[in-house]
Amino acid sequence: MLDESQLPVYVQYLCHLRSAPGMWERYSGSVEVYAPDTATDHEVFEKAVQTLSRTSFPDRPSLSSWELERVERA
């Protein structure tokens, strides 16, 4: 049985990204995501792309559709 000290602590991140060059309209902005406090920048980036593909950009589900600028804890 897990006790509370073994559960991951989730924190809010701002993932700043932009669309990769291509045939679609350019987008540059940030996405708020929650991830474990031990998450790498790449893991946060993956969550941000999943959020974008589920909401505003269903036509861009691939990581290669986006370029990571930076990740910061909110």
PDB file of N, CA and C in Angstrom:
ATOM      1  N   MET A   1       0.836  -1.182   0.000  1.00  0.00           N
ATOM      2  CA  MET A   1       0.000   0.000   0.000  1.00  0.00           C
ATOM      3  C   MET A   1       0.883   1.248   0.000  1.00  0.00           C
ATOM      4  N   LEU A   2       0.525   2.220  -0.835  1.00  0.00           N
ATOM      5  CA  LEU A   2       1.288   3.465  -0.916  1.00  0.00           C
ATOM      6  C   LEU A   2       0.868   4.427   0.185  1.00  0.00           C
ATOM      7  N   ASP A   3       1.841   5.079   0.760  1.00  0.00           N
ATOM      8  CA  ASP A   3       1.471   6.168   1.657  1.00  0.00           C
ATOM      9  C   ASP A   3       1.622   7.475   0.891  1.00  0.00           C
ATOM     10  N   GLU A   4       1.155   8.554   1.463  1.00  0.00           N
ATOM     11  CA  GLU A   4       1.136   9.839   0.751  1.00  0.00           C
ATOM     12  C   GLU A   4       2.521  10.318   0.331  1.00  0.00           C
ATOM     13  N   SER A   5       3.566   9.943   1.050  1.00  0.00           N
ATOM     14  CA  SER A   5       4.910  10.390   0.697  1.00  0.00           C
ATOM     15  C   SER A   5       5.408   9.744  -0.588  1.00  0.00           C
ATOM     16  N   GLN A   6       4.777   8.660  -1.042  1.00  0.00           N
ATOM     17  CA  GLN A   6       5.187   7.987  -2.261  1.00  0.00           C
ATOM     18  C   GLN A   6       4.414   8.457  -3.489  1.00  0.00           C
ATOM     19  N   LEU A   7       3.381   9.245  -3.295  1.00  0.00           N
ATOM     20  CA  LEU A   7       2.585   9.742  -4.410  1.00  0.00           C
ATOM     21  C   LEU A   7       3.302  10.911  -5.080  1.00  0.00           C
ATOM     22  N   PRO A   8       3.240  11.002  -6.413  1.00  0.00           N
ATOM     23  CA  PRO A   8       3.890  12.127  -7.089  1.00  0.00           C
ATOM     24  C   PRO A   8       3.180  13.444  -6.761  1.00  0.00           C
ATOM     25  N   VAL A   9       3.955  14.495  -6.700  1.00  0.00           N
ATOM     26  CA  VAL A   9       3.420  15.833  -6.477  1.00  0.00           C
ATOM     27  C   VAL A   9       3.319  16.509  -7.841  1.00  0.00           C
ATOM     28  N   TYR A  10       2.102  16.928  -8.199  1.00  0.00           N
ATOM     29  CA  TYR A  10       1.886  17.580  -9.487  1.00  0.00           C
ATOM     30  C   TYR A  10       1.949  19.094  -9.312  1.00  0.00           C
ATOM     31  N   VAL A  11       2.604  19.744 -10.254  1.00  0.00           N
ATOM     32  CA  VAL A  11       2.719  21.199 -10.247  1.00  0.00           C
ATOM     33  C   VAL A  11       2.317  21.727 -11.621  1.00  0.00           C
ATOM     34  N   GLN A  12       2.064  23.012 -11.683  1.00  0.00           N
ATOM     35  CA  GLN A  12       1.671  23.639 -12.936  1.00  0.00           C
ATOM     36  C   GLN A  12       2.906  24.144 -13.668  1.00  0.00           C
ATOM     37  N   TYR A  13       2.935  23.895 -14.961  1.00  0.00           N
ATOM     38  CA  TYR A  13       4.006  24.374 -15.834  1.00  0.00           C
ATOM     39  C   TYR A  13       3.405  25.214 -16.954  1.00  0.00           C
ATOM     40  N   LEU A  14       4.191  26.141 -17.441  1.00  0.00           N
ATOM     41  CA  LEU A  14       3.870  26.862 -18.670  1.00  0.00           C
ATOM     42  C   LEU A  14       4.847  26.375 -19.729  1.00  0.00           C
ATOM     43  N   CYS A  15       4.292  25.799 -20.769  1.00  0.00           N
ATOM     44  CA  CYS A  15       5.119  25.304 -21.862  1.00  0.00           C
ATOM     45  C   CYS A  15       4.988  26.291 -23.021  1.00  0.00           C
ATOM     46  N   HIS A  16       6.066  26.960 -23.334  1.00  0.00           N
ATOM     47  CA  HIS A  16       6.077  27.933 -24.425  1.00  0.00           C
ATOM     48  C   HIS A  16       6.532  27.208 -25.692  1.00  0.00           C
ATOM     49  N   LEU A  17       5.703  27.295 -26.728  1.00  0.00           N
ATOM     50  CA  LEU A  17       6.020  26.606 -27.971  1.00  0.00           C
ATOM     51  C   LEU A  17       5.512  27.391 -29.158  1.00  0.00           C
ATOM     52  N   ARG A  18       5.911  26.925 -30.329  1.00  0.00           N
ATOM     53  CA  ARG A  18       5.434  27.530 -31.585  1.00  0.00           C
ATOM     54  C   ARG A  18       5.271  26.417 -32.601  1.00  0.00           C
ATOM     55  N   SER A  19       4.462  26.708 -33.593  1.00  0.00           N
ATOM     56  CA  SER A  19       4.256  25.701 -34.634  1.00  0.00           C
ATOM     57  C   SER A  19       5.519  25.570 -35.481  1.00  0.00           C
ATOM     58  N   ALA A  20       5.771  24.353 -35.922  1.00  0.00           N
ATOM     59  CA  ALA A  20       6.891  24.105 -36.822  1.00  0.00           C
ATOM     60  C   ALA A  20       6.539  24.682 -38.187  1.00  0.00           C
ATOM     61  N   PRO A  21       7.539  25.064 -38.971  1.00  0.00           N
ATOM     62  CA  PRO A  21       7.250  25.562 -40.315  1.00  0.00           C
ATOM     63  C   PRO A  21       6.452  24.526 -41.097  1.00  0.00           C
ATOM     64  N   GLY A  22       5.491  25.016 -41.839  1.00  0.00           N
ATOM     65  CA  GLY A  22       4.659  24.108 -42.619  1.00  0.00           C
ATOM     66  C   GLY A  22       3.570  24.863 -43.345  1.00  0.00           C
ATOM     67  N   MET A  23       2.567  24.131 -43.755  1.00  0.00           N
ATOM     68  CA  MET A  23       1.517  24.727 -44.574  1.00  0.00           C
ATOM     69  C   MET A  23       0.406  25.358 -43.748  1.00  0.00           C
ATOM     70  N   TRP A  24       0.488  25.294 -42.416  1.00  0.00           N
ATOM     71  CA  TRP A  24      -0.579  25.848 -41.590  1.00  0.00           C
ATOM     72  C   TRP A  24      -0.198  27.217 -41.043  1.00  0.00           C
ATOM     73  N   GLU A  25      -1.178  27.877 -40.479  1.00  0.00           N
ATOM     74  CA  GLU A  25      -0.968  29.189 -39.897  1.00  0.00           C
ATOM     75  C   GLU A  25      -0.016  29.087 -38.702  1.00  0.00           C
ATOM     76  N   ARG A  26       0.819  30.089 -38.553  1.00  0.00           N
ATOM     77  CA  ARG A  26       1.813  30.091 -37.474  1.00  0.00           C
ATOM     78  C   ARG A  26       1.138  30.360 -36.137  1.00  0.00           C
ATOM     79  N   TYR A  27       1.558  29.627 -35.129  1.00  0.00           N
ATOM     80  CA  TYR A  27       1.064  29.813 -33.763  1.00  0.00           C
ATOM     81  C   TYR A  27       2.264  29.880 -32.839  1.00  0.00           C
ATOM     82  N   SER A  28       2.225  30.814 -31.919  1.00  0.00           N
ATOM     83  CA  SER A  28       3.251  30.928 -30.896  1.00  0.00           C
ATOM     84  C   SER A  28       2.546  31.310 -29.607  1.00  0.00           C
ATOM     85  N   GLY A  29       2.780  30.547 -28.567  1.00  0.00           N
ATOM     86  CA  GLY A  29       2.101  30.831 -27.310  1.00  0.00           C
ATOM     87  C   GLY A  29       2.537  29.879 -26.220  1.00  0.00           C
ATOM     88  N   SER A  30       1.725  29.817 -25.175  1.00  0.00           N
ATOM     89  CA  SER A  30       2.045  28.922 -24.066  1.00  0.00           C
ATOM     90  C   SER A  30       0.810  28.108 -23.701  1.00  0.00           C
ATOM     91  N   VAL A  31       1.071  26.952 -23.119  1.00  0.00           N
ATOM     92  CA  VAL A  31       0.022  26.037 -22.695  1.00  0.00           C
ATOM     93  C   VAL A  31       0.282  25.701 -21.231  1.00  0.00           C
ATOM     94  N   GLU A  32      -0.755  25.787 -20.395  1.00  0.00           N
ATOM     95  CA  GLU A  32      -0.637  25.403 -18.991  1.00  0.00           C
ATOM     96  C   GLU A  32      -0.910  23.917 -18.875  1.00  0.00           C
ATOM     97  N   VAL A  33      -0.005  23.205 -18.239  1.00  0.00           N
ATOM     98  CA  VAL A  33      -0.199  21.777 -18.001  1.00  0.00           C
ATOM     99  C   VAL A  33       0.209  21.447 -16.572  1.00  0.00           C
ATOM    100  N   TYR A  34      -0.338  20.360 -16.070  1.00  0.00           N
ATOM    101  CA  TYR A  34       0.055  19.837 -14.769  1.00  0.00           C
ATOM    102  C   TYR A  34       0.832  18.553 -14.997  1.00  0.00           C
ATOM    103  N   ALA A  35       1.965  18.438 -14.323  1.00  0.00           N
ATOM    104  CA  ALA A  35       2.822  17.266 -14.448  1.00  0.00           C
ATOM    105  C   ALA A  35       3.554  17.087 -13.120  1.00  0.00           C
ATOM    106  N   PRO A  36       4.116  15.903 -12.912  1.00  0.00           N
ATOM    107  CA  PRO A  36       4.878  15.694 -11.674  1.00  0.00           C
ATOM    108  C   PRO A  36       6.006  16.721 -11.544  1.00  0.00           C
ATOM    109  N   ASP A  37       6.341  17.067 -10.314  1.00  0.00           N
ATOM    110  CA  ASP A  37       7.389  18.071 -10.106  1.00  0.00           C
ATOM    111  C   ASP A  37       8.760  17.580 -10.582  1.00  0.00           C
ATOM    112  N   THR A  38       8.870  16.303 -10.906  1.00  0.00           N
ATOM    113  CA  THR A  38      10.115  15.741 -11.422  1.00  0.00           C
ATOM    114  C   THR A  38      10.109  15.607 -12.945  1.00  0.00           C
ATOM    115  N   ALA A  39       9.076  16.115 -13.604  1.00  0.00           N
ATOM    116  CA  ALA A  39       8.948  15.968 -15.060  1.00  0.00           C
ATOM    117  C   ALA A  39      10.067  16.697 -15.793  1.00  0.00           C
ATOM    118  N   THR A  40      10.508  16.104 -16.883  1.00  0.00           N
ATOM    119  CA  THR A  40      11.508  16.750 -17.736  1.00  0.00           C
ATOM    120  C   THR A  40      10.808  17.735 -18.664  1.00  0.00           C
ATOM    121  N   ASP A  41      11.578  18.610 -19.284  1.00  0.00           N
ATOM    122  CA  ASP A  41      11.004  19.548 -20.257  1.00  0.00           C
ATOM    123  C   ASP A  41      10.290  18.797 -21.377  1.00  0.00           C
ATOM    124  N   HIS A  42      10.870  17.679 -21.812  1.00  0.00           N
ATOM    125  CA  HIS A  42      10.258  16.916 -22.904  1.00  0.00           C
ATOM    126  C   HIS A  42       8.908  16.324 -22.472  1.00  0.00           C
ATOM    127  N   GLU A  43       8.815  15.856 -21.252  1.00  0.00           N
ATOM    128  CA  GLU A  43       7.544  15.311 -20.761  1.00  0.00           C
ATOM    129  C   GLU A  43       6.470  16.395 -20.683  1.00  0.00           C
ATOM    130  N   VAL A  44       6.857  17.583 -20.254  1.00  0.00           N
ATOM    131  CA  VAL A  44       5.919  18.706 -20.200  1.00  0.00           C
ATOM    132  C   VAL A  44       5.504  19.093 -21.624  1.00  0.00           C
ATOM    133  N   PHE A  45       6.453  19.118 -22.535  1.00  0.00           N
ATOM    134  CA  PHE A  45       6.180  19.420 -23.938  1.00  0.00           C
ATOM    135  C   PHE A  45       5.180  18.414 -24.522  1.00  0.00           C
ATOM    136  N   GLU A  46       5.370  17.127 -24.240  1.00  0.00           N
ATOM    137  CA  GLU A  46       4.434  16.104 -24.720  1.00  0.00           C
ATOM    138  C   GLU A  46       3.023  16.352 -24.203  1.00  0.00           C
ATOM    139  N   LYS A  47       2.887  16.700 -22.932  1.00  0.00           N
ATOM    140  CA  LYS A  47       1.570  16.988 -22.358  1.00  0.00           C
ATOM    141  C   LYS A  47       0.948  18.219 -23.026  1.00  0.00           C
ATOM    142  N   ALA A  48       1.755  19.232 -23.304  1.00  0.00           N
ATOM    143  CA  ALA A  48       1.248  20.438 -23.951  1.00  0.00           C
ATOM    144  C   ALA A  48       0.741  20.130 -25.361  1.00  0.00           C
ATOM    145  N   VAL A  49       1.475  19.325 -26.104  1.00  0.00           N
ATOM    146  CA  VAL A  49       1.052  18.954 -27.458  1.00  0.00           C
ATOM    147  C   VAL A  49      -0.226  18.125 -27.397  1.00  0.00           C
ATOM    148  N   GLN A  50      -0.334  17.231 -26.429  1.00  0.00           N
ATOM    149  CA  GLN A  50      -1.563  16.453 -26.260  1.00  0.00           C
ATOM    150  C   GLN A  50      -2.743  17.383 -25.994  1.00  0.00           C
ATOM    151  N   THR A  51      -2.535  18.387 -25.158  1.00  0.00           N
ATOM    152  CA  THR A  51      -3.598  19.350 -24.854  1.00  0.00           C
ATOM    153  C   THR A  51      -4.006  20.108 -26.102  1.00  0.00           C
ATOM    154  N   LEU A  52      -3.035  20.589 -26.856  1.00  0.00           N
ATOM    155  CA  LEU A  52      -3.343  21.335 -28.082  1.00  0.00           C
ATOM    156  C   LEU A  52      -4.071  20.468 -29.109  1.00  0.00           C
ATOM    157  N   SER A  53      -3.649  19.216 -29.248  1.00  0.00           N
ATOM    158  CA  SER A  53      -4.289  18.356 -30.244  1.00  0.00           C
ATOM    159  C   SER A  53      -5.702  17.947 -29.819  1.00  0.00           C
ATOM    160  N   ARG A  54      -5.969  17.997 -28.533  1.00  0.00           N
ATOM    161  CA  ARG A  54      -7.295  17.657 -28.026  1.00  0.00           C
ATOM    162  C   ARG A  54      -8.236  18.863 -28.083  1.00  0.00           C
ATOM    163  N   THR A  55      -7.689  20.068 -28.136  1.00  0.00           N
ATOM    164  CA  THR A  55      -8.517  21.278 -28.055  1.00  0.00           C
ATOM    165  C   THR A  55      -8.440  22.095 -29.340  1.00  0.00           C
ATOM    166  N   SER A  56      -7.488  22.969 -29.440  1.00  0.00           N
ATOM    167  CA  SER A  56      -7.437  23.959 -30.517  1.00  0.00           C
ATOM    168  C   SER A  56      -6.866  23.475 -31.849  1.00  0.00           C
ATOM    169  N   PHE A  57      -6.001  22.466 -31.812  1.00  0.00           N
ATOM    170  CA  PHE A  57      -5.311  22.048 -33.032  1.00  0.00           C
ATOM    171  C   PHE A  57      -5.401  20.540 -33.240  1.00  0.00           C
ATOM    172  N   PRO A  58      -6.598  20.010 -33.500  1.00  0.00           N
ATOM    173  CA  PRO A  58      -6.722  18.564 -33.700  1.00  0.00           C
ATOM    174  C   PRO A  58      -5.989  18.063 -34.949  1.00  0.00           C
ATOM    175  N   ASP A  59      -5.666  18.971 -35.852  1.00  0.00           N
ATOM    176  CA  ASP A  59      -4.949  18.586 -37.070  1.00  0.00           C
ATOM    177  C   ASP A  59      -3.440  18.509 -36.868  1.00  0.00           C
ATOM    178  N   ARG A  60      -2.946  18.804 -35.652  1.00  0.00           N
ATOM    179  CA  ARG A  60      -1.507  18.789 -35.378  1.00  0.00           C
ATOM    180  C   ARG A  60      -1.192  17.942 -34.129  1.00  0.00           C
ATOM    181  N   PRO A  61      -1.453  16.646 -34.167  1.00  0.00           N
ATOM    182  CA  PRO A  61      -1.239  15.821 -32.978  1.00  0.00           C
ATOM    183  C   PRO A  61       0.208  15.391 -32.758  1.00  0.00           C
ATOM    184  N   SER A  62       1.058  15.603 -33.731  1.00  0.00           N
ATOM    185  CA  SER A  62       2.424  15.106 -33.686  1.00  0.00           C
ATOM    186  C   SER A  62       3.378  16.081 -32.994  1.00  0.00           C
ATOM    187  N   LEU A  63       4.349  15.532 -32.276  1.00  0.00           N
ATOM    188  CA  LEU A  63       5.377  16.379 -31.662  1.00  0.00           C
ATOM    189  C   LEU A  63       6.154  17.144 -32.721  1.00  0.00           C
ATOM    190  N   SER A  64       6.300  16.557 -33.895  1.00  0.00           N
ATOM    191  CA  SER A  64       7.064  17.219 -34.961  1.00  0.00           C
ATOM    192  C   SER A  64       6.336  18.438 -35.528  1.00  0.00           C
ATOM    193  N   SER A  65       5.071  18.612 -35.171  1.00  0.00           N
ATOM    194  CA  SER A  65       4.310  19.786 -35.607  1.00  0.00           C
ATOM    195  C   SER A  65       4.623  21.018 -34.768  1.00  0.00           C
ATOM    196  N   TRP A  66       5.384  20.818 -33.687  1.00  0.00           N
ATOM    197  CA  TRP A  66       5.623  21.887 -32.722  1.00  0.00           C
ATOM    198  C   TRP A  66       7.098  21.988 -32.367  1.00  0.00           C
ATOM    199  N   GLU A  67       7.516  23.189 -31.987  1.00  0.00           N
ATOM    200  CA  GLU A  67       8.882  23.431 -31.528  1.00  0.00           C
ATOM    201  C   GLU A  67       8.821  23.996 -30.116  1.00  0.00           C
ATOM    202  N   LEU A  68       9.545  23.379 -29.219  1.00  0.00           N
ATOM    203  CA  LEU A  68       9.593  23.816 -27.833  1.00  0.00           C
ATOM    204  C   LEU A  68      10.500  25.035 -27.710  1.00  0.00           C
ATOM    205  N   GLU A  69      10.011  26.079 -27.069  1.00  0.00           N
ATOM    206  CA  GLU A  69      10.824  27.261 -26.802  1.00  0.00           C
ATOM    207  C   GLU A  69      11.419  27.183 -25.389  1.00  0.00           C
ATOM    208  N   ARG A  70      10.546  26.987 -24.404  1.00  0.00           N
ATOM    209  CA  ARG A  70      11.032  26.844 -23.024  1.00  0.00           C
ATOM    210  C   ARG A  70       9.896  26.352 -22.137  1.00  0.00           C
ATOM    211  N   VAL A  71      10.259  25.847 -20.975  1.00  0.00           N
ATOM    212  CA  VAL A  71       9.311  25.381 -19.975  1.00  0.00           C
ATOM    213  C   VAL A  71       9.628  26.100 -18.683  1.00  0.00           C
ATOM    214  N   GLU A  72       8.585  26.569 -18.002  1.00  0.00           N
ATOM    215  CA  GLU A  72       8.801  27.195 -16.693  1.00  0.00           C
ATOM    216  C   GLU A  72       7.700  26.746 -15.733  1.00  0.00           C
ATOM    217  N   ARG A  73       8.069  26.666 -14.484  1.00  0.00           N
ATOM    218  CA  ARG A  73       7.067  26.338 -13.466  1.00  0.00           C
ATOM    219  C   ARG A  73       6.252  27.569 -13.180  1.00  0.00           C
ATOM    220  N   ALA A  74       4.956  27.398 -13.138  1.00  0.00           N
ATOM    221  CA  ALA A  74       4.058  28.533 -12.891  1.00  0.00           C
ATOM    222  C   ALA A  74       3.920  28.778 -11.398  1.00  0.00           C
TER     223      ALA A  74
END
